[in-house]
PDB file of N, CA and C in Angstrom:
ATOM      1  N   UNK A   1      11.823   0.858  13.052  1.00  0.00           N
ATOM      2  CA  UNK A   1      10.839   1.510  12.633  1.00  0.00           C
ATOM      3  C   UNK A   1      10.858   1.170  11.104  1.00  0.00           C
ATOM      4  N   UNK A   2       9.299   0.589  10.869  1.00  0.00           N
ATOM      5  CA  UNK A   2       8.849   0.219   9.337  1.00  0.00           C
ATOM      6  C   UNK A   2       8.893   1.117   8.618  1.00  0.00           C
ATOM      7  N   UNK A   3       8.943   0.977   7.197  1.00  0.00           N
ATOM      8  CA  UNK A   3       9.178   1.775   5.824  1.00  0.00           C
ATOM      9  C   UNK A   3       8.157   1.537   5.192  1.00  0.00           C
ATOM     10  N   UNK A   4       7.017   1.793   5.294  1.00  0.00           N
ATOM     11  CA  UNK A   4       5.826   1.589   4.483  1.00  0.00           C
ATOM     12  C   UNK A   4       4.985   2.265   4.074  1.00  0.00           C
ATOM     13  N   UNK A   5       5.243   1.891   2.509  1.00  0.00           N
ATOM     14  CA  UNK A   5       4.124   2.808   1.771  1.00  0.00           C
ATOM     15  C   UNK A   5       3.334   2.233   1.156  1.00  0.00           C
ATOM     16  N   UNK A   6       1.695   3.306   0.663  1.00  0.00           N
ATOM     17  CA  UNK A   6       0.942   2.434   0.140  1.00  0.00           C
ATOM     18  C   UNK A   6       0.311   3.253  -1.110  1.00  0.00           C
ATOM     19  N   UNK A   7       0.225   2.562  -2.280  1.00  0.00           N
ATOM     20  CA  UNK A   7      -0.400   3.295  -3.376  1.00  0.00           C
ATOM     21  C   UNK A   7      -2.069   2.585  -3.340  1.00  0.00           C
ATOM     22  N   UNK A   8      -3.016   3.911  -3.578  1.00  0.00           N
ATOM     23  CA  UNK A   8      -4.208   3.396  -3.504  1.00  0.00           C
ATOM     24  C   UNK A   8      -5.201   4.682  -4.172  1.00  0.00           C
ATOM     25  N   UNK A   9      -6.629   4.015  -4.398  1.00  0.00           N
ATOM     26  CA  UNK A   9      -7.110   4.938  -4.894  1.00  0.00           C
ATOM     27  C   UNK A   9      -8.611   4.980  -4.151  1.00  0.00           C
ATOM     28  N   UNK A  10      -9.235   6.153  -4.420  1.00  0.00           N
ATOM     29  CA  UNK A  10     -10.642   6.772  -3.476  1.00  0.00           C
ATOM     30  C   UNK A  10     -11.443   5.609  -3.573  1.00  0.00           C
ATOM     31  N   UNK A  11     -11.547   4.646  -4.934  1.00  0.00           N
ATOM     32  CA  UNK A  11     -12.951   4.149  -4.996  1.00  0.00           C
ATOM     33  C   UNK A  11     -12.521   2.753  -4.202  1.00  0.00           C
ATOM     34  N   UNK A  12     -11.140   2.248  -3.904  1.00  0.00           N
ATOM     35  CA  UNK A  12     -10.309   1.179  -3.848  1.00  0.00           C
ATOM     36  C   UNK A  12     -10.845   0.305  -2.475  1.00  0.00           C
ATOM     37  N   UNK A  13     -11.999  -0.753  -2.601  1.00  0.00           N
ATOM     38  CA  UNK A  13     -12.211  -1.388  -1.289  1.00  0.00           C
ATOM     39  C   UNK A  13     -11.041  -1.987  -0.734  1.00  0.00           C
ATOM     40  N   UNK A  14     -10.300  -2.595  -1.161  1.00  0.00           N
ATOM     41  CA  UNK A  14      -9.223  -3.174  -0.709  1.00  0.00           C
ATOM     42  C   UNK A  14      -8.078  -2.705  -0.240  1.00  0.00           C
ATOM     43  N   UNK A  15      -8.178  -1.219  -0.967  1.00  0.00           N
ATOM     44  CA  UNK A  15      -7.097  -0.034   0.160  1.00  0.00           C
ATOM     45  C   UNK A  15      -7.697   0.464   1.100  1.00  0.00           C
ATOM     46  N   UNK A  16      -8.984   0.696   1.434  1.00  0.00           N
ATOM     47  CA  UNK A  16      -9.368   0.899   2.125  1.00  0.00           C
ATOM     48  C   UNK A  16      -9.178   0.182   3.903  1.00  0.00           C
ATOM     49  N   UNK A  17      -9.269  -1.387   3.151  1.00  0.00           N
ATOM     50  CA  UNK A  17      -9.077  -2.392   3.921  1.00  0.00           C
ATOM     51  C   UNK A  17      -7.577  -2.453   4.555  1.00  0.00           C
ATOM     52  N   UNK A  18      -6.519  -2.387   3.755  1.00  0.00           N
ATOM     53  CA  UNK A  18      -5.108  -2.521   4.040  1.00  0.00           C
ATOM     54  C   UNK A  18      -5.093  -1.171   4.449  1.00  0.00           C
ATOM     55  N   UNK A  19      -5.530  -0.162   4.659  1.00  0.00           N
ATOM     56  CA  UNK A  19      -4.936   1.219   5.527  1.00  0.00           C
ATOM     57  C   UNK A  19      -5.727   0.765   6.990  1.00  0.00           C
ATOM     58  N   UNK A  20      -7.095   0.210   6.857  1.00  0.00           N
ATOM     59  CA  UNK A  20      -7.455   0.243   8.517  1.00  0.00           C
ATOM     60  C   UNK A  20      -6.695  -0.617   9.042  1.00  0.00           C
ATOM     61  N   UNK A  21      -5.926  -2.077   8.347  1.00  0.00           N
ATOM     62  CA  UNK A  21      -5.376  -2.738   8.969  1.00  0.00           C
ATOM     63  C   UNK A  21      -3.917  -2.386   9.265  1.00  0.00           C
ATOM     64  N   UNK A  22      -3.303  -0.953   8.611  1.00  0.00           N
ATOM     65  CA  UNK A  22      -2.341  -0.735   9.143  1.00  0.00           C
ATOM     66  C   UNK A  22      -2.380   0.311  10.213  1.00  0.00           C
ATOM     67  N   UNK A  23      -3.548   0.778  10.271  1.00  0.00           N
ATOM     68  CA  UNK A  23      -3.888   1.821  11.351  1.00  0.00           C
ATOM     69  C   UNK A  23      -4.436   1.297  12.625  1.00  0.00           C
ATOM     70  N   UNK A  24      -4.890   0.103  12.813  1.00  0.00           N
ATOM     71  CA  UNK A  24      -5.680  -0.756  13.817  1.00  0.00           C
ATOM     72  C   UNK A  24      -4.065  -1.482  14.267  1.00  0.00           C
ATOM     73  N   UNK A  25      -3.273  -1.594  13.561  1.00  0.00           N
ATOM     74  CA  UNK A  25      -1.980  -1.891  14.245  1.00  0.00           C
ATOM     75  C   UNK A  25      -0.638  -0.893  14.366  1.00  0.00           C
ATOM     76  N   UNK A  26      -1.292   0.409  14.289  1.00  0.00           N
ATOM     77  CA  UNK A  26      -0.499   1.418  14.536  1.00  0.00           C
ATOM     78  C   UNK A  26       0.605   1.532  13.575  1.00  0.00           C
ATOM     79  N   UNK A  27       0.772   1.226  12.531  1.00  0.00           N
ATOM     80  CA  UNK A  27       1.480   1.138  11.773  1.00  0.00           C
ATOM     81  C   UNK A  27       1.852   2.465  10.895  1.00  0.00           C
ATOM     82  N   UNK A  28       2.838   3.468  10.923  1.00  0.00           N
ATOM     83  CA  UNK A  28       2.722   4.581   9.950  1.00  0.00           C
ATOM     84  C   UNK A  28       3.217   4.310   8.638  1.00  0.00           C
ATOM     85  N   UNK A  29       2.589   4.885   7.865  1.00  0.00           N
ATOM     86  CA  UNK A  29       2.579   4.552   6.436  1.00  0.00           C
ATOM     87  C   UNK A  29       2.355   5.937   5.620  1.00  0.00           C
ATOM     88  N   UNK A  30       3.290   6.128   4.281  1.00  0.00           N
ATOM     89  CA  UNK A  30       3.001   7.383   3.364  1.00  0.00           C
ATOM     90  C   UNK A  30       2.220   6.514   2.295  1.00  0.00           C
ATOM     91  N   UNK A  31       0.569   7.517   2.161  1.00  0.00           N
ATOM     92  CA  UNK A  31      -0.085   7.099   0.885  1.00  0.00           C
ATOM     93  C   UNK A  31       0.308   8.030  -0.065  1.00  0.00           C
ATOM     94  N   UNK A  32       0.306   7.062  -1.137  1.00  0.00           N
ATOM     95  CA  UNK A  32       0.076   7.714  -2.535  1.00  0.00           C
ATOM     96  C   UNK A  32      -0.736   7.473  -3.011  1.00  0.00           C
ATOM     97  N   UNK A  33      -2.060   8.172  -3.460  1.00  0.00           N
ATOM     98  CA  UNK A  33      -3.121   8.282  -3.803  1.00  0.00           C
ATOM     99  C   UNK A  33      -3.418   8.554  -5.397  1.00  0.00           C
ATOM    100  N   UNK A  34      -3.527   7.421  -6.059  1.00  0.00           N
ATOM    101  CA  UNK A  34      -2.973   7.827  -7.731  1.00  0.00           C
ATOM    102  C   UNK A  34      -4.579   8.116  -8.073  1.00  0.00           C
ATOM    103  N   UNK A  35      -5.448   8.600  -7.622  1.00  0.00           N
ATOM    104  CA  UNK A  35      -6.896   9.269  -8.122  1.00  0.00           C
ATOM    105  C   UNK A  35      -6.341  10.545  -7.907  1.00  0.00           C
ATOM    106  N   UNK A  36      -5.618  11.096  -7.073  1.00  0.00           N
ATOM    107  CA  UNK A  36      -5.320  12.628  -6.770  1.00  0.00           C
ATOM    108  C   UNK A  36      -4.261  12.881  -7.180  1.00  0.00           C
ATOM    109  N   UNK A  37      -3.629  11.781  -7.596  1.00  0.00           N
ATOM    110  CA  UNK A  37      -1.608  12.567  -7.791  1.00  0.00           C
ATOM    111  C   UNK A  37      -1.240  11.450  -9.183  1.00  0.00           C
ATOM    112  N   UNK A  38      -1.240  12.582 -10.471  1.00  0.00           N
ATOM    113  CA  UNK A  38      -1.001  11.935 -11.361  1.00  0.00           C
ATOM    114  C   UNK A  38       0.208  11.151 -11.535  1.00  0.00           C
ATOM    115  N   UNK A  39       1.232  12.091 -10.836  1.00  0.00           N
ATOM    116  CA  UNK A  39       3.025  11.579 -10.529  1.00  0.00           C
ATOM    117  C   UNK A  39       2.906   9.819  -9.659  1.00  0.00           C
ATOM    118  N   UNK A  40       2.365   9.859  -8.802  1.00  0.00           N
ATOM    119  CA  UNK A  40       1.822   8.621  -8.018  1.00  0.00           C
ATOM    120  C   UNK A  40       1.366   7.756  -9.410  1.00  0.00           C
ATOM    121  N   UNK A  41       0.552   8.032 -10.027  1.00  0.00           N
ATOM    122  CA  UNK A  41      -0.267   7.026 -10.764  1.00  0.00           C
ATOM    123  C   UNK A  41       1.216   6.582 -12.159  1.00  0.00           C
ATOM    124  N   UNK A  42       1.798   7.551 -12.375  1.00  0.00           N
ATOM    125  CA  UNK A  42       3.000   7.370 -13.122  1.00  0.00           C
ATOM    126  C   UNK A  42       3.984   6.402 -12.349  1.00  0.00           C
ATOM    127  N   UNK A  43       4.358   7.008 -11.295  1.00  0.00           N
ATOM    128  CA  UNK A  43       5.384   6.103 -10.595  1.00  0.00           C
ATOM    129  C   UNK A  43       4.953   4.400 -10.674  1.00  0.00           C
ATOM    130  N   UNK A  44       3.686   4.148 -10.348  1.00  0.00           N
ATOM    131  CA  UNK A  44       2.727   2.894 -10.020  1.00  0.00           C
ATOM    132  C   UNK A  44       3.252   2.005 -11.152  1.00  0.00           C
ATOM    133  N   UNK A  45       2.607   2.683 -12.707  1.00  0.00           N
ATOM    134  CA  UNK A  45       2.882   2.448 -13.630  1.00  0.00           C
ATOM    135  C   UNK A  45       4.463   1.859 -13.915  1.00  0.00           C
ATOM    136  N   UNK A  46       5.074   2.515 -13.764  1.00  0.00           N
ATOM    137  CA  UNK A  46       6.618   2.755 -14.183  1.00  0.00           C
ATOM    138  C   UNK A  46       7.172   0.931 -13.117  1.00  0.00           C
ATOM    139  N   UNK A  47       6.787   0.878 -11.839  1.00  0.00           N
ATOM    140  CA  UNK A  47       7.066   0.000 -11.589  1.00  0.00           C
ATOM    141  C   UNK A  47       6.691  -1.509 -12.106  1.00  0.00           C
ATOM    142  N   UNK A  48       5.588  -1.384 -12.689  1.00  0.00           N
ATOM    143  CA  UNK A  48       5.070  -1.996 -13.777  1.00  0.00           C
ATOM    144  C   UNK A  48       3.591  -2.963 -12.760  1.00  0.00           C
ATOM    145  N   UNK A  49       3.045  -1.901 -12.116  1.00  0.00           N
ATOM    146  CA  UNK A  49       1.995  -2.800 -11.259  1.00  0.00           C
ATOM    147  C   UNK A  49       0.720  -1.525 -12.455  1.00  0.00           C
ATOM    148  N   UNK A  50      -0.226  -2.557 -12.483  1.00  0.00           N
ATOM    149  CA  UNK A  50      -1.600  -1.382 -13.165  1.00  0.00           C
ATOM    150  C   UNK A  50      -2.818  -1.795 -11.824  1.00  0.00           C
ATOM    151  N   UNK A  51      -2.644  -2.488 -10.876  1.00  0.00           N
ATOM    152  CA  UNK A  51      -3.721  -2.609  -9.891  1.00  0.00           C
ATOM    153  C   UNK A  51      -3.109  -2.187  -8.558  1.00  0.00           C
ATOM    154  N   UNK A  52      -4.291  -1.693  -7.626  1.00  0.00           N
ATOM    155  CA  UNK A  52      -4.032  -1.630  -6.316  1.00  0.00           C
ATOM    156  C   UNK A  52      -4.574  -2.253  -5.469  1.00  0.00           C
ATOM    157  N   UNK A  53      -4.766  -2.439  -4.396  1.00  0.00           N
ATOM    158  CA  UNK A  53      -3.461  -1.676  -3.353  1.00  0.00           C
ATOM    159  C   UNK A  53      -1.956  -2.059  -3.839  1.00  0.00           C
ATOM    160  N   UNK A  54      -0.787  -1.466  -3.844  1.00  0.00           N
ATOM    161  CA  UNK A  54       0.379  -1.863  -3.688  1.00  0.00           C
ATOM    162  C   UNK A  54       1.159  -1.308  -2.406  1.00  0.00           C
ATOM    163  N   UNK A  55       1.187  -2.527  -1.635  1.00  0.00           N
ATOM    164  CA  UNK A  55       2.125  -1.227  -0.036  1.00  0.00           C
ATOM    165  C   UNK A  55       3.745  -2.152  -0.632  1.00  0.00           C
ATOM    166  N   UNK A  56       4.304  -1.330  -0.243  1.00  0.00           N
ATOM    167  CA  UNK A  56       5.895  -1.493  -0.114  1.00  0.00           C
ATOM    168  C   UNK A  56       6.253  -1.381   1.583  1.00  0.00           C
ATOM    169  N   UNK A  57       6.840  -2.722   1.886  1.00  0.00           N
ATOM    170  CA  UNK A  57       7.121  -2.827   3.258  1.00  0.00           C
ATOM    171  C   UNK A  57       8.762  -2.944   3.706  1.00  0.00           C
ATOM    172  N   UNK A  58       9.410  -2.045   3.752  1.00  0.00           N
ATOM    173  CA  UNK A  58      11.026  -1.974   4.069  1.00  0.00           C
ATOM    174  C   UNK A  58      11.404  -2.648   2.472  1.00  0.00           C
ATOM    175  N   UNK A  59      10.954  -2.262   1.523  1.00  0.00           N
ATOM    176  CA  UNK A  59      11.397  -2.690   0.298  1.00  0.00           C
ATOM    177  C   UNK A  59      10.817  -3.860  -0.603  1.00  0.00           C
ATOM    178  N   UNK A  60       9.882  -4.664   0.145  1.00  0.00           N
ATOM    179  CA  UNK A  60       9.254  -5.515  -0.149  1.00  0.00           C
ATOM    180  C   UNK A  60       7.721  -5.571  -0.477  1.00  0.00           C
ATOM    181  N   UNK A  61       7.497  -5.646  -2.053  1.00  0.00           N
ATOM    182  CA  UNK A  61       6.456  -5.251  -2.367  1.00  0.00           C
ATOM    183  C   UNK A  61       4.874  -6.400  -2.178  1.00  0.00           C
ATOM    184  N   UNK A  62       3.998  -6.159  -1.767  1.00  0.00           N
ATOM    185  CA  UNK A  62       2.980  -6.771  -1.640  1.00  0.00           C
ATOM    186  C   UNK A  62       1.739  -6.029  -2.318  1.00  0.00           C
ATOM    187  N   UNK A  63       1.477  -7.308  -3.459  1.00  0.00           N
ATOM    188  CA  UNK A  63      -0.077  -6.665  -4.198  1.00  0.00           C
ATOM    189  C   UNK A  63      -1.081  -7.019  -3.979  1.00  0.00           C
ATOM    190  N   UNK A  64      -2.177  -6.172  -3.698  1.00  0.00           N
ATOM    191  CA  UNK A  64      -3.303  -6.425  -3.403  1.00  0.00           C
ATOM    192  C   UNK A  64      -3.540  -6.659  -1.549  1.00  0.00           C
ATOM    193  N   UNK A  65      -4.707  -6.794  -1.186  1.00  0.00           N
ATOM    194  CA  UNK A  65      -4.649  -6.547   0.552  1.00  0.00           C
ATOM    195  C   UNK A  65      -4.036  -8.107   0.601  1.00  0.00           C
ATOM    196  N   UNK A  66      -2.703  -8.817   1.028  1.00  0.00           N
ATOM    197  CA  UNK A  66      -2.296  -9.879   1.353  1.00  0.00           C
ATOM    198  C   UNK A  66      -2.093  -9.969   2.800  1.00  0.00           C
ATOM    199  N   UNK A  67      -3.386 -10.025   3.503  1.00  0.00           N
ATOM    200  CA  UNK A  67      -3.108  -9.941   5.047  1.00  0.00           C
ATOM    201  C   UNK A  67      -1.695 -10.944   5.325  1.00  0.00           C
ATOM    202  N   UNK A  68      -1.715 -11.904   5.067  1.00  0.00           N
ATOM    203  CA  UNK A  68      -0.338 -12.881   5.886  1.00  0.00           C
ATOM    204  C   UNK A  68       0.653 -12.398   5.071  1.00  0.00           C
ATOM    205  N   UNK A  69       0.652 -11.496   4.082  1.00  0.00           N
ATOM    206  CA  UNK A  69       2.135 -11.471   3.594  1.00  0.00           C
ATOM    207  C   UNK A  69       2.536 -10.193   4.504  1.00  0.00           C
ATOM    208  N   UNK A  70       1.520  -9.336   4.299  1.00  0.00           N
ATOM    209  CA  UNK A  70       1.773  -8.119   5.157  1.00  0.00           C
ATOM    210  C   UNK A  70       2.244  -8.005   6.576  1.00  0.00           C
ATOM    211  N   UNK A  71       1.614  -9.228   7.488  1.00  0.00           N
ATOM    212  CA  UNK A  71       1.670  -9.240   8.508  1.00  0.00           C
ATOM    213  C   UNK A  71       3.265  -9.753   8.683  1.00  0.00           C
ATOM    214  N   UNK A  72       3.760 -11.002   7.922  1.00  0.00           N
ATOM    215  CA  UNK A  72       4.682 -11.779   7.949  1.00  0.00           C
ATOM    216  C   UNK A  72       5.950 -10.531   7.880  1.00  0.00           C
ATOM    217  N   UNK A  73       5.722  -9.536   6.873  1.00  0.00           N
ATOM    218  CA  UNK A  73       6.808  -8.445   6.528  1.00  0.00           C
ATOM    219  C   UNK A  73       6.747  -7.317   7.747  1.00  0.00           C
ATOM    220  N   UNK A  74       5.688  -7.745   8.212  1.00  0.00           N
ATOM    221  CA  UNK A  74       5.477  -6.551   9.601  1.00  0.00           C
ATOM    222  C   UNK A  74       6.100  -7.212  10.817  1.00  0.00           C
ATOM    223  N   UNK A  75       6.184  -8.464  10.771  1.00  0.00           N
ATOM    224  CA  UNK A  75       6.392  -8.933  12.008  1.00  0.00           C
ATOM    225  C   UNK A  75       5.538  -9.183  13.382  1.00  0.00           C
ATOM    226  N   UNK A  76       4.299  -9.465  12.656  1.00  0.00           N
ATOM    227  CA  UNK A  76       2.940  -9.224  13.260  1.00  0.00           C
ATOM    228  C   UNK A  76       2.269 -10.431  13.317  1.00  0.00           C
TER     229      UNK A  76
END
């Protein structure tokens, strides 16, 4: 089973695309919405990121909606 987390916000189009990709490929994920949770925002900044989406797949970080990298890390 894949371990997938994604940092998003409500107004991020790339975040919506990334989540749709995961859903369409039946990949379960945990979403951290920085618009709704300030602790998630602090965690994201603590990792050194100032933009979203950030997807963490089995410990590997993907900045933005990098479809090719996500597919590679997920084995799709």
